[in-house]
Amino acid sequence: MHRKQITSFALSALPVLLTAGAALAADGADWAAPVETAAKTLTTTLVTIAGAIIGLGIVGYGIWAALNQRIELQKIWIFFVCGLLVSIGPGLMMWWINQVKSAG
């Protein structure tokens, strides 16, 4: 991983970590509510943006494949895996929050 990628990842994870830290610091309060709200907002935003980008990528690849008259299966698999991660990832994050909430 390059330094720029690490910085980008850290900056994107920072709001979630800050929300979780502030929620856990509240004594006796329902710590999961702010985390769930932040996670739902984050997932709906990311799914919307990523879904649009993947859709535009598939259309762009279709145009490119038609112009070049060839289809590369490796690129099709990349789109498939990206779509799978975008659709499954948010559900796994909410599942993880529910598991931590029920354990504590």
C-alpha atoms as a PDB file:
ATOM      1  CA  MET A   1       0.000   0.000   0.000  1.00  0.00           C
ATOM      2  CA  HIS A   2       1.281   3.423  -0.882  1.00  0.00           C
ATOM      3  CA  ARG A   3       1.416   6.298   1.534  1.00  0.00           C
ATOM      4  CA  LYS A   4      -1.311   8.160  -0.356  1.00  0.00           C
ATOM      5  CA  GLN A   5      -3.656   5.149  -0.146  1.00  0.00           C
ATOM      6  CA  ILE A   6      -3.030   4.734   3.577  1.00  0.00           C
ATOM      7  CA  THR A   7      -3.752   8.421   4.157  1.00  0.00           C
ATOM      8  CA  SER A   8      -6.944   8.206   2.102  1.00  0.00           C
ATOM      9  CA  PHE A   9      -8.114   5.127   4.016  1.00  0.00           C
ATOM     10  CA  ALA A  10      -7.332   6.722   7.374  1.00  0.00           C
ATOM     11  CA  LEU A  11      -9.248   9.873   6.476  1.00  0.00           C
ATOM     12  CA  SER A  12     -12.263   7.897   5.306  1.00  0.00           C
ATOM     13  CA  ALA A  13     -12.305   5.739   8.458  1.00  0.00           C
ATOM     14  CA  LEU A  14     -11.783   8.677  10.810  1.00  0.00           C
ATOM     15  CA  PRO A  15     -15.455   9.839  11.043  1.00  0.00           C
ATOM     16  CA  VAL A  16     -16.628   6.341  11.936  1.00  0.00           C
ATOM     17  CA  LEU A  17     -13.925   5.944  14.575  1.00  0.00           C
ATOM     18  CA  LEU A  18     -14.673   9.354  16.070  1.00  0.00           C
ATOM     19  CA  THR A  19     -18.374   8.581  16.225  1.00  0.00           C
ATOM     20  CA  ALA A  20     -17.691   5.220  17.835  1.00  0.00           C
ATOM     21  CA  GLY A  21     -15.269   6.744  20.327  1.00  0.00           C
ATOM     22  CA  ALA A  22     -17.707   9.468  21.350  1.00  0.00           C
ATOM     23  CA  ALA A  23     -20.521   6.951  21.658  1.00  0.00           C
ATOM     24  CA  LEU A  24     -18.487   4.567  23.805  1.00  0.00           C
ATOM     25  CA  ALA A  25     -17.362   7.434  26.053  1.00  0.00           C
ATOM     26  CA  ALA A  26     -20.946   8.175  27.115  1.00  0.00           C
ATOM     27  CA  ASP A  27     -21.505   6.383  30.426  1.00  0.00           C
ATOM     28  CA  GLY A  28     -24.732   4.439  30.654  1.00  0.00           C
ATOM     29  CA  ALA A  29     -26.035   5.858  27.405  1.00  0.00           C
ATOM     30  CA  ASP A  30     -27.097   3.817  24.419  1.00  0.00           C
ATOM     31  CA  TRP A  31     -23.726   3.759  22.649  1.00  0.00           C
ATOM     32  CA  ALA A  32     -25.037   1.849  19.648  1.00  0.00           C
ATOM     33  CA  ALA A  33     -27.550   4.490  18.519  1.00  0.00           C
ATOM     34  CA  PRO A  34     -25.013   7.050  17.223  1.00  0.00           C
ATOM     35  CA  VAL A  35     -22.882   4.306  15.695  1.00  0.00           C
ATOM     36  CA  GLU A  36     -25.877   2.776  13.923  1.00  0.00           C
ATOM     37  CA  THR A  37     -27.003   6.181  12.656  1.00  0.00           C
ATOM     38  CA  ALA A  38     -23.535   7.004  11.343  1.00  0.00           C
ATOM     39  CA  ALA A  39     -23.179   3.558   9.773  1.00  0.00           C
ATOM     40  CA  LYS A  40     -26.588   3.760   8.065  1.00  0.00           C
ATOM     41  CA  THR A  41     -25.818   7.216   6.697  1.00  0.00           C
ATOM     42  CA  LEU A  42     -22.385   6.112   5.555  1.00  0.00           C
ATOM     43  CA  THR A  43     -23.650   2.941   3.911  1.00  0.00           C
ATOM     44  CA  THR A  44     -26.527   4.587   2.065  1.00  0.00           C
ATOM     45  CA  THR A  45     -24.202   7.298   0.777  1.00  0.00           C
ATOM     46  CA  LEU A  46     -21.448   4.900  -0.241  1.00  0.00           C
ATOM     47  CA  VAL A  47     -23.823   2.392  -1.824  1.00  0.00           C
ATOM     48  CA  THR A  48     -25.475   5.129  -3.867  1.00  0.00           C
ATOM     49  CA  ILE A  49     -22.177   6.584  -5.059  1.00  0.00           C
ATOM     50  CA  ALA A  50     -20.467   3.235  -5.642  1.00  0.00           C
ATOM     51  CA  GLY A  51     -23.510   1.793  -7.407  1.00  0.00           C
ATOM     52  CA  ALA A  52     -23.578   4.738  -9.789  1.00  0.00           C
ATOM     53  CA  ILE A  53     -19.834   4.491 -10.445  1.00  0.00           C
ATOM     54  CA  ILE A  54     -20.010   0.746 -11.073  1.00  0.00           C
ATOM     55  CA  GLY A  55     -23.003   1.228 -13.369  1.00  0.00           C
ATOM     56  CA  LEU A  56     -21.210   3.925 -15.349  1.00  0.00           C
ATOM     57  CA  GLY A  57     -18.123   1.706 -15.462  1.00  0.00           C
ATOM     58  CA  ILE A  58     -20.116  -1.179 -16.923  1.00  0.00           C
ATOM     59  CA  VAL A  59     -21.670   1.105 -19.545  1.00  0.00           C
ATOM     60  CA  GLY A  60     -18.263   2.574 -20.371  1.00  0.00           C
ATOM     61  CA  TYR A  61     -16.727  -0.879 -20.617  1.00  0.00           C
ATOM     62  CA  GLY A  62     -19.570  -2.017 -22.867  1.00  0.00           C
ATOM     63  CA  ILE A  63     -18.934   0.910 -25.212  1.00  0.00           C
ATOM     64  CA  TRP A  64     -15.179   0.219 -25.167  1.00  0.00           C
ATOM     65  CA  ALA A  65     -15.739  -3.497 -25.826  1.00  0.00           C
ATOM     66  CA  ALA A  66     -18.084  -2.718 -28.721  1.00  0.00           C
ATOM     67  CA  LEU A  67     -15.635  -0.288 -30.296  1.00  0.00           C
ATOM     68  CA  ASN A  68     -12.693  -2.689 -29.937  1.00  0.00           C
ATOM     69  CA  GLN A  69     -14.816  -5.766 -30.699  1.00  0.00           C
ATOM     70  CA  ARG A  70     -13.448  -7.761 -27.777  1.00  0.00           C
ATOM     71  CA  ILE A  71     -14.517  -8.582 -24.256  1.00  0.00           C
ATOM     72  CA  GLU A  72     -11.955  -9.178 -21.537  1.00  0.00           C
ATOM     73  CA  LEU A  73     -13.291 -11.514 -18.861  1.00  0.00           C
ATOM     74  CA  GLN A  74     -10.857 -10.203 -16.246  1.00  0.00           C
ATOM     75  CA  LYS A  75     -12.512  -6.774 -16.359  1.00  0.00           C
ATOM     76  CA  ILE A  76     -15.980  -8.306 -16.166  1.00  0.00           C
ATOM     77  CA  TRP A  77     -14.942 -10.191 -13.004  1.00  0.00           C
ATOM     78  CA  ILE A  78     -13.619  -6.974 -11.485  1.00  0.00           C
ATOM     79  CA  PHE A  79     -17.020  -5.324 -12.003  1.00  0.00           C
ATOM     80  CA  PHE A  80     -18.731  -8.386 -10.524  1.00  0.00           C
ATOM     81  CA  VAL A  81     -16.517  -8.415  -7.414  1.00  0.00           C
ATOM     82  CA  CYS A  82     -16.925  -4.657  -6.923  1.00  0.00           C
ATOM     83  CA  GLY A  83     -20.695  -4.962  -7.155  1.00  0.00           C
ATOM     84  CA  LEU A  84     -20.633  -7.856  -4.695  1.00  0.00           C
ATOM     85  CA  LEU A  85     -18.562  -5.892  -2.188  1.00  0.00           C
ATOM     86  CA  VAL A  86     -20.788  -2.844  -2.504  1.00  0.00           C
ATOM     87  CA  SER A  87     -23.940  -4.886  -1.942  1.00  0.00           C
ATOM     88  CA  ILE A  88     -22.691  -7.185   0.839  1.00  0.00           C
ATOM     89  CA  GLY A  89     -20.321  -4.847   2.705  1.00  0.00           C
ATOM     90  CA  PRO A  90     -22.905  -2.556   4.348  1.00  0.00           C
ATOM     91  CA  GLY A  91     -24.941  -5.527   5.566  1.00  0.00           C
ATOM     92  CA  LEU A  92     -21.857  -7.070   7.132  1.00  0.00           C
ATOM     93  CA  MET A  93     -21.024  -3.791   8.856  1.00  0.00           C
ATOM     94  CA  MET A  94     -24.513  -3.565  10.380  1.00  0.00           C
ATOM     95  CA  TRP A  95     -24.302  -7.252  11.388  1.00  0.00           C
ATOM     96  CA  TRP A  96     -20.989  -6.560  13.145  1.00  0.00           C
ATOM     97  CA  ILE A  97     -22.466  -3.576  15.024  1.00  0.00           C
ATOM     98  CA  ASN A  98     -25.416  -5.725  16.154  1.00  0.00           C
ATOM     99  CA  GLN A  99     -23.027  -8.477  17.321  1.00  0.00           C
ATOM    100  CA  VAL A 100     -20.982  -6.002  19.380  1.00  0.00           C
ATOM    101  CA  LYS A 101     -24.176  -4.467  20.779  1.00  0.00           C
ATOM    102  CA  SER A 102     -25.578  -7.837  21.848  1.00  0.00           C
ATOM    103  CA  ALA A 103     -22.242  -8.945  23.365  1.00  0.00           C
ATOM    104  CA  GLY A 104     -21.900  -5.855  25.530  1.00  0.00           C
END
